[in-house]
């Protein structure tokens, strides 16, 4: 179990001009909407303008993959897509299937579109662990997802500047 505060990070590259897509699961909305709000706030704090943040909602975490593909396809010039969800372990193997499907699916979307697709989905054993990571004692995973998006978008820009004339 993580004991790190997810909301603590060092210096970040300037995110001015960055365009971000945010895909949010409505399932476990108490958790995911808190993470969404933290991700958006973090993007804005580091220079991303409100008009450059596109947010869509999908029914559950399994649909994050389709949502990520749609937003990457239909929203021009995105620098990164942040996917926010929450899967809480239950009594059946459903948890394992959902988590594996989302992990593999988001990786495939990232490769297909050539943009960072950030895995901001909590996979916890219980509700308290999720609450602890959505603004509780471990910070907010939405902040971490936004920080990762900013860093990966900056990395891509650096490569483009260096290798594309």
N, C-alpha and C. Protein backbone atom coordinates (compact mmCIF):
# COMPACT_ATOMS: atom_id res chain seq x y z
N UNK A 1 0.84 -1.18 0.00
CA UNK A 1 0.00 0.00 0.00
C UNK A 1 0.88 1.23 0.00
N UNK A 2 0.52 2.21 -0.82
CA UNK A 2 1.27 3.46 -0.92
C UNK A 2 1.07 4.30 0.33
N UNK A 3 2.17 4.88 0.78
CA UNK A 3 2.08 5.82 1.89
C UNK A 3 2.52 7.21 1.44
N UNK A 4 2.83 7.35 0.16
CA UNK A 4 3.26 8.62 -0.40
C UNK A 4 2.05 9.51 -0.62
N UNK A 5 2.21 10.82 -0.36
CA UNK A 5 1.15 11.76 -0.69
C UNK A 5 1.22 12.03 -2.18
N UNK A 6 0.20 11.64 -2.89
CA UNK A 6 0.20 11.74 -4.34
C UNK A 6 0.15 13.17 -4.85
N UNK A 7 -0.18 14.11 -4.00
CA UNK A 7 -0.33 15.49 -4.41
C UNK A 7 0.96 16.30 -4.26
N UNK A 8 2.05 15.67 -3.85
CA UNK A 8 3.33 16.37 -3.71
C UNK A 8 4.20 16.06 -4.92
N UNK A 9 4.72 17.10 -5.54
CA UNK A 9 5.58 16.92 -6.70
C UNK A 9 6.54 18.09 -6.78
N UNK A 10 7.59 17.91 -7.54
CA UNK A 10 8.59 18.96 -7.70
C UNK A 10 8.23 19.90 -8.83
N UNK A 11 9.24 20.49 -9.40
CA UNK A 11 9.04 21.43 -10.50
C UNK A 11 8.49 20.71 -11.73
N UNK A 12 7.64 21.43 -12.44
CA UNK A 12 7.07 20.88 -13.66
C UNK A 12 7.40 21.79 -14.84
N UNK A 13 7.43 21.20 -16.03
CA UNK A 13 7.59 22.04 -17.22
C UNK A 13 6.39 22.97 -17.36
N UNK A 14 6.57 24.06 -18.06
CA UNK A 14 5.47 24.98 -18.34
C UNK A 14 4.46 24.27 -19.23
N UNK A 15 3.21 24.29 -18.84
CA UNK A 15 2.16 23.61 -19.62
C UNK A 15 1.37 24.58 -20.48
N UNK A 16 1.83 25.82 -20.60
CA UNK A 16 1.14 26.79 -21.45
C UNK A 16 1.02 26.25 -22.87
N UNK A 17 -0.16 26.38 -23.43
CA UNK A 17 -0.41 25.91 -24.79
C UNK A 17 -0.76 24.43 -24.88
N UNK A 18 -0.68 23.73 -23.79
CA UNK A 18 -1.02 22.30 -23.79
C UNK A 18 -2.52 22.12 -23.95
N UNK A 19 -2.90 21.10 -24.71
CA UNK A 19 -4.30 20.73 -24.87
C UNK A 19 -4.47 19.34 -24.27
N UNK A 20 -5.42 19.22 -23.34
CA UNK A 20 -5.60 17.96 -22.63
C UNK A 20 -7.03 17.47 -22.74
N UNK A 21 -7.16 16.18 -22.90
CA UNK A 21 -8.46 15.53 -22.81
C UNK A 21 -8.54 14.83 -21.46
N UNK A 22 -9.71 14.87 -20.84
CA UNK A 22 -9.92 14.21 -19.56
C UNK A 22 -11.15 13.32 -19.72
N UNK A 23 -10.97 12.02 -19.51
CA UNK A 23 -12.05 11.06 -19.61
C UNK A 23 -12.33 10.54 -18.20
N UNK A 24 -13.58 10.68 -17.75
CA UNK A 24 -13.91 10.40 -16.36
C UNK A 24 -15.04 9.38 -16.27
N UNK A 25 -14.83 8.35 -15.48
CA UNK A 25 -15.86 7.36 -15.21
C UNK A 25 -16.89 7.94 -14.23
N UNK A 26 -18.16 7.70 -14.52
CA UNK A 26 -19.23 8.14 -13.62
C UNK A 26 -19.44 7.15 -12.47
N UNK A 27 -18.96 5.92 -12.64
CA UNK A 27 -19.09 4.91 -11.59
C UNK A 27 -18.17 5.30 -10.45
N UNK A 28 -18.63 5.23 -9.23
CA UNK A 28 -17.89 5.70 -8.06
C UNK A 28 -17.60 7.19 -8.18
N UNK A 29 -18.62 7.94 -8.56
CA UNK A 29 -18.45 9.38 -8.86
C UNK A 29 -17.95 10.20 -7.68
N UNK A 30 -18.24 9.78 -6.47
CA UNK A 30 -17.70 10.50 -5.31
C UNK A 30 -16.17 10.54 -5.39
N UNK A 31 -15.60 9.48 -5.88
CA UNK A 31 -14.15 9.37 -6.01
C UNK A 31 -13.68 10.02 -7.31
N UNK A 32 -14.28 9.62 -8.42
CA UNK A 32 -13.77 10.05 -9.72
C UNK A 32 -13.97 11.54 -9.97
N UNK A 33 -15.05 12.11 -9.48
CA UNK A 33 -15.27 13.54 -9.71
C UNK A 33 -14.30 14.37 -8.87
N UNK A 34 -13.94 13.90 -7.68
CA UNK A 34 -12.91 14.59 -6.88
C UNK A 34 -11.56 14.52 -7.59
N UNK A 35 -11.26 13.39 -8.20
CA UNK A 35 -10.01 13.25 -8.95
C UNK A 35 -10.03 14.12 -10.20
N UNK A 36 -11.17 14.15 -10.89
CA UNK A 36 -11.32 15.00 -12.09
C UNK A 36 -11.04 16.45 -11.74
N UNK A 37 -11.69 16.93 -10.68
CA UNK A 37 -11.55 18.33 -10.29
C UNK A 37 -10.10 18.66 -9.93
N UNK A 38 -9.43 17.74 -9.24
CA UNK A 38 -8.02 17.96 -8.87
C UNK A 38 -7.13 17.97 -10.10
N UNK A 39 -7.41 17.09 -11.06
CA UNK A 39 -6.61 17.06 -12.29
C UNK A 39 -6.76 18.36 -13.07
N UNK A 40 -7.99 18.81 -13.22
CA UNK A 40 -8.23 20.06 -13.95
C UNK A 40 -7.58 21.24 -13.25
N UNK A 41 -7.72 21.30 -11.94
CA UNK A 41 -7.10 22.39 -11.17
C UNK A 41 -5.58 22.37 -11.34
N UNK A 42 -4.98 21.20 -11.32
CA UNK A 42 -3.52 21.08 -11.49
C UNK A 42 -3.10 21.53 -12.88
N UNK A 43 -3.84 21.11 -13.90
CA UNK A 43 -3.52 21.56 -15.26
C UNK A 43 -3.57 23.08 -15.35
N UNK A 44 -4.62 23.67 -14.82
CA UNK A 44 -4.79 25.12 -14.88
C UNK A 44 -3.70 25.85 -14.08
N UNK A 45 -3.33 25.32 -12.94
CA UNK A 45 -2.27 25.94 -12.12
C UNK A 45 -0.93 26.00 -12.85
N UNK A 46 -0.76 25.09 -13.82
CA UNK A 46 0.52 25.02 -14.53
C UNK A 46 0.44 25.56 -15.96
N UNK A 47 -0.61 26.32 -16.25
CA UNK A 47 -0.64 27.05 -17.51
C UNK A 47 -1.61 26.59 -18.57
N UNK A 48 -2.33 25.50 -18.35
CA UNK A 48 -3.29 25.04 -19.35
C UNK A 48 -4.56 25.88 -19.21
N UNK A 49 -5.00 26.45 -20.32
CA UNK A 49 -6.20 27.27 -20.29
C UNK A 49 -7.45 26.40 -20.28
N UNK A 50 -8.49 26.91 -19.63
CA UNK A 50 -9.76 26.17 -19.52
C UNK A 50 -10.26 25.73 -20.89
N UNK A 51 -10.14 26.57 -21.90
CA UNK A 51 -10.63 26.25 -23.25
C UNK A 51 -9.85 25.11 -23.89
N UNK A 52 -8.68 24.80 -23.35
CA UNK A 52 -7.84 23.74 -23.90
C UNK A 52 -7.97 22.43 -23.13
N UNK A 53 -8.96 22.36 -22.25
CA UNK A 53 -9.23 21.13 -21.49
C UNK A 53 -10.61 20.60 -21.92
N UNK A 54 -10.62 19.44 -22.55
CA UNK A 54 -11.87 18.81 -22.98
C UNK A 54 -12.19 17.67 -22.03
N UNK A 55 -13.38 17.70 -21.45
CA UNK A 55 -13.77 16.69 -20.47
C UNK A 55 -14.97 15.92 -21.01
N UNK A 56 -14.88 14.59 -20.94
CA UNK A 56 -16.03 13.75 -21.27
C UNK A 56 -16.22 12.74 -20.14
N UNK A 57 -17.45 12.28 -20.00
CA UNK A 57 -17.78 11.29 -18.97
C UNK A 57 -18.24 10.00 -19.65
N UNK A 58 -17.83 8.89 -19.07
CA UNK A 58 -18.23 7.57 -19.55
C UNK A 58 -18.88 6.83 -18.38
N UNK A 59 -19.69 5.81 -18.65
CA UNK A 59 -20.42 5.15 -17.56
C UNK A 59 -19.54 4.51 -16.49
N UNK A 60 -18.51 3.78 -16.89
CA UNK A 60 -17.68 3.08 -15.91
C UNK A 60 -16.24 3.05 -16.34
N UNK A 61 -15.40 2.43 -15.54
CA UNK A 61 -13.97 2.39 -15.83
C UNK A 61 -13.65 1.58 -17.08
N UNK A 62 -14.43 0.53 -17.35
CA UNK A 62 -14.16 -0.25 -18.55
C UNK A 62 -14.32 0.60 -19.81
N UNK A 63 -15.19 1.59 -19.76
CA UNK A 63 -15.44 2.45 -20.91
C UNK A 63 -14.40 3.56 -21.08
N UNK A 64 -13.44 3.65 -20.16
CA UNK A 64 -12.37 4.64 -20.30
C UNK A 64 -11.61 4.46 -21.62
N UNK A 65 -11.40 3.21 -22.02
CA UNK A 65 -10.67 2.94 -23.25
C UNK A 65 -11.40 3.52 -24.47
N UNK A 66 -12.69 3.23 -24.59
CA UNK A 66 -13.46 3.76 -25.72
C UNK A 66 -13.52 5.28 -25.64
N UNK A 67 -13.70 5.82 -24.45
CA UNK A 67 -13.73 7.27 -24.29
C UNK A 67 -12.41 7.91 -24.68
N UNK A 68 -11.31 7.30 -24.29
CA UNK A 68 -9.99 7.82 -24.65
C UNK A 68 -9.79 7.79 -26.16
N UNK A 69 -10.25 6.72 -26.80
CA UNK A 69 -10.12 6.63 -28.25
C UNK A 69 -10.97 7.69 -28.93
N UNK A 70 -12.19 7.90 -28.44
CA UNK A 70 -13.07 8.91 -29.04
C UNK A 70 -12.49 10.32 -28.89
N UNK A 71 -12.04 10.66 -27.68
CA UNK A 71 -11.54 12.01 -27.47
C UNK A 71 -10.24 12.24 -28.25
N UNK A 72 -9.41 11.22 -28.36
CA UNK A 72 -8.18 11.35 -29.14
C UNK A 72 -8.49 11.51 -30.62
N UNK A 73 -9.50 10.81 -31.09
CA UNK A 73 -9.87 10.86 -32.51
C UNK A 73 -10.59 12.16 -32.89
N UNK A 74 -11.52 12.60 -32.05
CA UNK A 74 -12.39 13.72 -32.41
C UNK A 74 -11.96 15.07 -31.87
N UNK A 75 -10.96 15.12 -31.01
CA UNK A 75 -10.48 16.39 -30.47
C UNK A 75 -9.10 16.64 -31.04
N UNK A 76 -9.00 17.61 -31.94
CA UNK A 76 -7.72 17.81 -32.64
C UNK A 76 -6.60 18.31 -31.73
N UNK A 77 -5.41 17.85 -32.03
CA UNK A 77 -4.17 18.36 -31.45
C UNK A 77 -4.04 18.20 -29.93
N UNK A 78 -4.61 17.15 -29.38
CA UNK A 78 -4.42 16.89 -27.95
C UNK A 78 -2.96 16.53 -27.68
N UNK A 79 -2.45 17.03 -26.57
CA UNK A 79 -1.09 16.69 -26.14
C UNK A 79 -1.09 15.49 -25.21
N UNK A 80 -2.21 15.24 -24.53
CA UNK A 80 -2.31 14.11 -23.61
C UNK A 80 -3.78 13.87 -23.28
N UNK A 81 -4.07 12.64 -22.89
CA UNK A 81 -5.40 12.26 -22.42
C UNK A 81 -5.24 11.68 -21.02
N UNK A 82 -6.00 12.21 -20.08
CA UNK A 82 -5.99 11.71 -18.71
C UNK A 82 -7.26 10.89 -18.50
N UNK A 83 -7.10 9.65 -18.09
CA UNK A 83 -8.25 8.78 -17.84
C UNK A 83 -8.41 8.55 -16.35
N UNK A 84 -9.59 8.85 -15.84
CA UNK A 84 -9.84 8.80 -14.40
C UNK A 84 -10.98 7.82 -14.11
N UNK A 85 -10.68 6.84 -13.28
CA UNK A 85 -11.68 5.86 -12.90
C UNK A 85 -11.39 5.31 -11.52
N UNK A 86 -12.27 4.43 -11.07
CA UNK A 86 -12.09 3.81 -9.76
C UNK A 86 -12.76 2.44 -9.78
N UNK A 87 -11.95 1.41 -9.58
CA UNK A 87 -12.45 0.04 -9.51
C UNK A 87 -12.12 -0.49 -8.11
N UNK A 88 -13.16 -0.88 -7.39
CA UNK A 88 -12.98 -1.38 -6.04
C UNK A 88 -13.22 -2.89 -6.05
N UNK A 89 -12.27 -3.62 -5.50
CA UNK A 89 -12.35 -5.08 -5.50
C UNK A 89 -13.64 -5.56 -4.82
N UNK A 90 -14.23 -6.54 -5.41
CA UNK A 90 -15.44 -7.14 -4.84
C UNK A 90 -15.21 -8.61 -4.56
N UNK A 91 -16.28 -9.38 -4.57
CA UNK A 91 -16.20 -10.81 -4.23
C UNK A 91 -15.98 -11.70 -5.45
N UNK A 92 -15.98 -11.13 -6.64
CA UNK A 92 -15.84 -11.92 -7.86
C UNK A 92 -14.60 -11.47 -8.63
N UNK A 93 -14.21 -12.20 -9.66
CA UNK A 93 -13.04 -11.81 -10.45
C UNK A 93 -13.29 -10.62 -11.39
N UNK A 94 -14.47 -10.06 -11.33
CA UNK A 94 -14.82 -8.90 -12.16
C UNK A 94 -13.74 -7.82 -12.10
N UNK A 95 -13.26 -7.53 -10.90
CA UNK A 95 -12.21 -6.53 -10.67
C UNK A 95 -11.00 -6.80 -11.56
N UNK A 96 -10.54 -8.04 -11.59
CA UNK A 96 -9.35 -8.40 -12.37
C UNK A 96 -9.56 -8.18 -13.86
N UNK A 97 -10.72 -8.58 -14.36
CA UNK A 97 -11.00 -8.42 -15.78
C UNK A 97 -11.07 -6.95 -16.17
N UNK A 98 -11.74 -6.15 -15.36
CA UNK A 98 -11.88 -4.72 -15.66
C UNK A 98 -10.50 -4.06 -15.64
N UNK A 99 -9.73 -4.29 -14.59
CA UNK A 99 -8.42 -3.64 -14.46
C UNK A 99 -7.49 -4.02 -15.61
N UNK A 100 -7.46 -5.30 -15.94
CA UNK A 100 -6.58 -5.73 -17.04
C UNK A 100 -7.04 -5.14 -18.37
N UNK A 101 -8.35 -5.16 -18.62
CA UNK A 101 -8.87 -4.62 -19.87
C UNK A 101 -8.57 -3.14 -20.04
N UNK A 102 -8.74 -2.39 -18.96
CA UNK A 102 -8.49 -0.95 -19.03
C UNK A 102 -7.00 -0.68 -19.22
N UNK A 103 -6.17 -1.39 -18.51
CA UNK A 103 -4.72 -1.20 -18.63
C UNK A 103 -4.24 -1.45 -20.06
N UNK A 104 -4.61 -2.58 -20.60
CA UNK A 104 -4.19 -2.93 -21.96
C UNK A 104 -4.83 -1.97 -22.98
N UNK A 105 -6.10 -1.68 -22.80
CA UNK A 105 -6.80 -0.81 -23.74
C UNK A 105 -6.22 0.59 -23.80
N UNK A 106 -5.91 1.18 -22.65
CA UNK A 106 -5.36 2.54 -22.65
C UNK A 106 -3.97 2.56 -23.27
N UNK A 107 -3.20 1.52 -23.04
CA UNK A 107 -1.88 1.43 -23.69
C UNK A 107 -2.04 1.39 -25.20
N UNK A 108 -3.00 0.64 -25.69
CA UNK A 108 -3.22 0.55 -27.13
C UNK A 108 -3.66 1.88 -27.71
N UNK A 109 -4.50 2.62 -27.00
CA UNK A 109 -4.93 3.93 -27.49
C UNK A 109 -3.73 4.88 -27.57
N UNK A 110 -2.88 4.85 -26.57
CA UNK A 110 -1.70 5.70 -26.56
C UNK A 110 -0.81 5.41 -27.77
N UNK A 111 -0.58 4.14 -28.02
CA UNK A 111 0.26 3.75 -29.15
C UNK A 111 -0.40 4.12 -30.48
N UNK A 112 -1.69 3.87 -30.60
CA UNK A 112 -2.41 4.15 -31.85
C UNK A 112 -2.37 5.63 -32.22
N UNK A 113 -2.55 6.50 -31.24
CA UNK A 113 -2.64 7.93 -31.53
C UNK A 113 -1.33 8.68 -31.30
N UNK A 114 -0.34 8.02 -30.72
CA UNK A 114 0.95 8.66 -30.52
C UNK A 114 0.94 9.80 -29.52
N UNK A 115 0.03 9.71 -28.56
CA UNK A 115 -0.02 10.71 -27.50
C UNK A 115 -0.06 9.99 -26.15
N UNK A 116 0.43 10.65 -25.11
CA UNK A 116 0.35 10.03 -23.79
C UNK A 116 -1.10 9.86 -23.35
N UNK A 117 -1.46 8.67 -22.94
CA UNK A 117 -2.76 8.37 -22.35
C UNK A 117 -2.47 7.93 -20.91
N UNK A 118 -2.87 8.74 -19.98
CA UNK A 118 -2.47 8.57 -18.58
C UNK A 118 -3.49 7.71 -17.84
N UNK A 119 -2.97 6.69 -17.17
CA UNK A 119 -3.78 5.77 -16.37
C UNK A 119 -3.99 6.39 -14.99
N UNK A 120 -5.12 7.07 -14.82
CA UNK A 120 -5.46 7.69 -13.55
C UNK A 120 -6.61 6.95 -12.88
N UNK A 121 -6.59 5.64 -12.99
CA UNK A 121 -7.66 4.83 -12.41
C UNK A 121 -7.17 4.21 -11.11
N UNK A 122 -7.94 4.38 -10.07
CA UNK A 122 -7.65 3.72 -8.81
C UNK A 122 -8.09 2.28 -8.89
N UNK A 123 -7.31 1.38 -8.35
CA UNK A 123 -7.65 -0.04 -8.25
C UNK A 123 -7.41 -0.43 -6.80
N UNK A 124 -8.46 -0.33 -6.01
CA UNK A 124 -8.31 -0.48 -4.57
C UNK A 124 -9.06 -1.71 -4.05
N UNK A 125 -8.72 -2.08 -2.84
CA UNK A 125 -9.38 -3.22 -2.19
C UNK A 125 -10.70 -2.82 -1.53
N UNK A 126 -10.84 -1.53 -1.18
CA UNK A 126 -12.05 -1.10 -0.50
C UNK A 126 -12.28 0.40 -0.72
N UNK A 127 -13.45 0.86 -0.32
CA UNK A 127 -13.83 2.26 -0.50
C UNK A 127 -12.90 3.20 0.25
N UNK A 128 -12.49 2.83 1.46
CA UNK A 128 -11.62 3.72 2.25
C UNK A 128 -10.29 3.98 1.54
N UNK A 129 -9.73 2.95 0.93
CA UNK A 129 -8.49 3.14 0.18
C UNK A 129 -8.70 4.13 -0.98
N UNK A 130 -9.84 4.04 -1.63
CA UNK A 130 -10.14 4.97 -2.72
C UNK A 130 -10.29 6.39 -2.19
N UNK A 131 -11.02 6.56 -1.10
CA UNK A 131 -11.19 7.89 -0.51
C UNK A 131 -9.85 8.48 -0.08
N UNK A 132 -8.98 7.63 0.45
CA UNK A 132 -7.65 8.09 0.87
C UNK A 132 -6.83 8.62 -0.30
N UNK A 133 -7.14 8.19 -1.53
CA UNK A 133 -6.39 8.56 -2.71
C UNK A 133 -7.13 9.56 -3.60
N UNK A 134 -8.27 10.00 -3.15
CA UNK A 134 -9.07 10.98 -3.91
C UNK A 134 -9.28 12.23 -3.08
N UNK A 135 -8.22 12.64 -2.39
CA UNK A 135 -8.28 13.83 -1.57
C UNK A 135 -8.11 13.56 -0.09
N UNK A 136 -7.89 12.30 0.27
CA UNK A 136 -7.71 11.92 1.68
C UNK A 136 -6.26 11.93 2.09
N UNK A 137 -5.91 11.03 2.98
CA UNK A 137 -4.58 11.07 3.60
C UNK A 137 -3.42 10.79 2.63
N UNK A 138 -3.70 10.23 1.48
CA UNK A 138 -2.64 9.99 0.49
C UNK A 138 -2.68 11.00 -0.65
N UNK A 139 -3.41 12.09 -0.47
CA UNK A 139 -3.47 13.11 -1.51
C UNK A 139 -4.54 12.79 -2.53
N UNK A 140 -4.29 13.17 -3.77
CA UNK A 140 -5.30 12.98 -4.81
C UNK A 140 -4.63 12.47 -6.08
N UNK A 141 -5.03 11.28 -6.49
CA UNK A 141 -4.47 10.65 -7.69
C UNK A 141 -4.74 11.48 -8.94
N UNK A 142 -5.77 12.32 -8.93
CA UNK A 142 -6.03 13.22 -10.05
C UNK A 142 -4.89 14.20 -10.27
N UNK A 143 -4.31 14.67 -9.18
CA UNK A 143 -3.14 15.56 -9.26
C UNK A 143 -1.99 14.80 -9.92
N UNK A 144 -1.74 13.61 -9.46
CA UNK A 144 -0.65 12.80 -10.03
C UNK A 144 -0.86 12.55 -11.52
N UNK A 145 -2.09 12.28 -11.92
CA UNK A 145 -2.37 12.04 -13.34
C UNK A 145 -2.10 13.29 -14.17
N UNK A 146 -2.49 14.45 -13.67
CA UNK A 146 -2.24 15.71 -14.39
C UNK A 146 -0.75 16.00 -14.47
N UNK A 147 -0.03 15.77 -13.39
CA UNK A 147 1.42 15.98 -13.38
C UNK A 147 2.08 15.07 -14.41
N UNK A 148 1.66 13.83 -14.46
CA UNK A 148 2.20 12.88 -15.44
C UNK A 148 1.89 13.34 -16.86
N UNK A 149 0.67 13.82 -17.09
CA UNK A 149 0.30 14.31 -18.42
C UNK A 149 1.18 15.49 -18.84
N UNK A 150 1.41 16.43 -17.93
CA UNK A 150 2.24 17.59 -18.23
C UNK A 150 3.67 17.15 -18.57
N UNK A 151 4.22 16.26 -17.76
CA UNK A 151 5.58 15.79 -18.00
C UNK A 151 5.71 15.04 -19.33
N UNK A 152 4.73 14.19 -19.62
CA UNK A 152 4.79 13.41 -20.87
C UNK A 152 4.57 14.29 -22.10
N UNK A 153 3.67 15.27 -21.99
CA UNK A 153 3.45 16.19 -23.11
C UNK A 153 4.70 17.01 -23.37
N UNK A 154 5.38 17.44 -22.31
CA UNK A 154 6.63 18.20 -22.45
C UNK A 154 7.72 17.33 -23.08
N UNK A 155 7.78 16.06 -22.69
CA UNK A 155 8.76 15.15 -23.27
C UNK A 155 8.52 15.00 -24.77
N UNK A 156 7.27 14.84 -25.15
CA UNK A 156 6.95 14.71 -26.58
C UNK A 156 7.33 15.98 -27.32
N UNK A 157 7.02 17.14 -26.76
CA UNK A 157 7.39 18.41 -27.40
C UNK A 157 8.90 18.53 -27.56
N UNK A 158 9.65 18.10 -26.55
CA UNK A 158 11.11 18.15 -26.63
C UNK A 158 11.63 17.28 -27.77
N UNK A 159 11.08 16.10 -27.92
CA UNK A 159 11.47 15.22 -29.03
C UNK A 159 11.12 15.86 -30.37
N UNK A 160 9.94 16.45 -30.46
CA UNK A 160 9.52 17.06 -31.71
C UNK A 160 10.43 18.22 -32.08
N UNK A 161 10.81 19.03 -31.12
CA UNK A 161 11.72 20.15 -31.39
C UNK A 161 13.09 19.66 -31.85
N UNK A 162 13.55 18.58 -31.25
CA UNK A 162 14.88 18.08 -31.55
C UNK A 162 14.96 17.36 -32.89
N UNK A 163 13.91 16.62 -33.23
CA UNK A 163 13.99 15.75 -34.39
C UNK A 163 13.13 16.14 -35.58
N UNK A 164 12.28 17.12 -35.40
CA UNK A 164 11.45 17.57 -36.53
C UNK A 164 11.88 18.98 -36.87
N UNK A 165 12.30 19.19 -38.09
CA UNK A 165 12.83 20.50 -38.48
C UNK A 165 11.71 21.42 -38.83
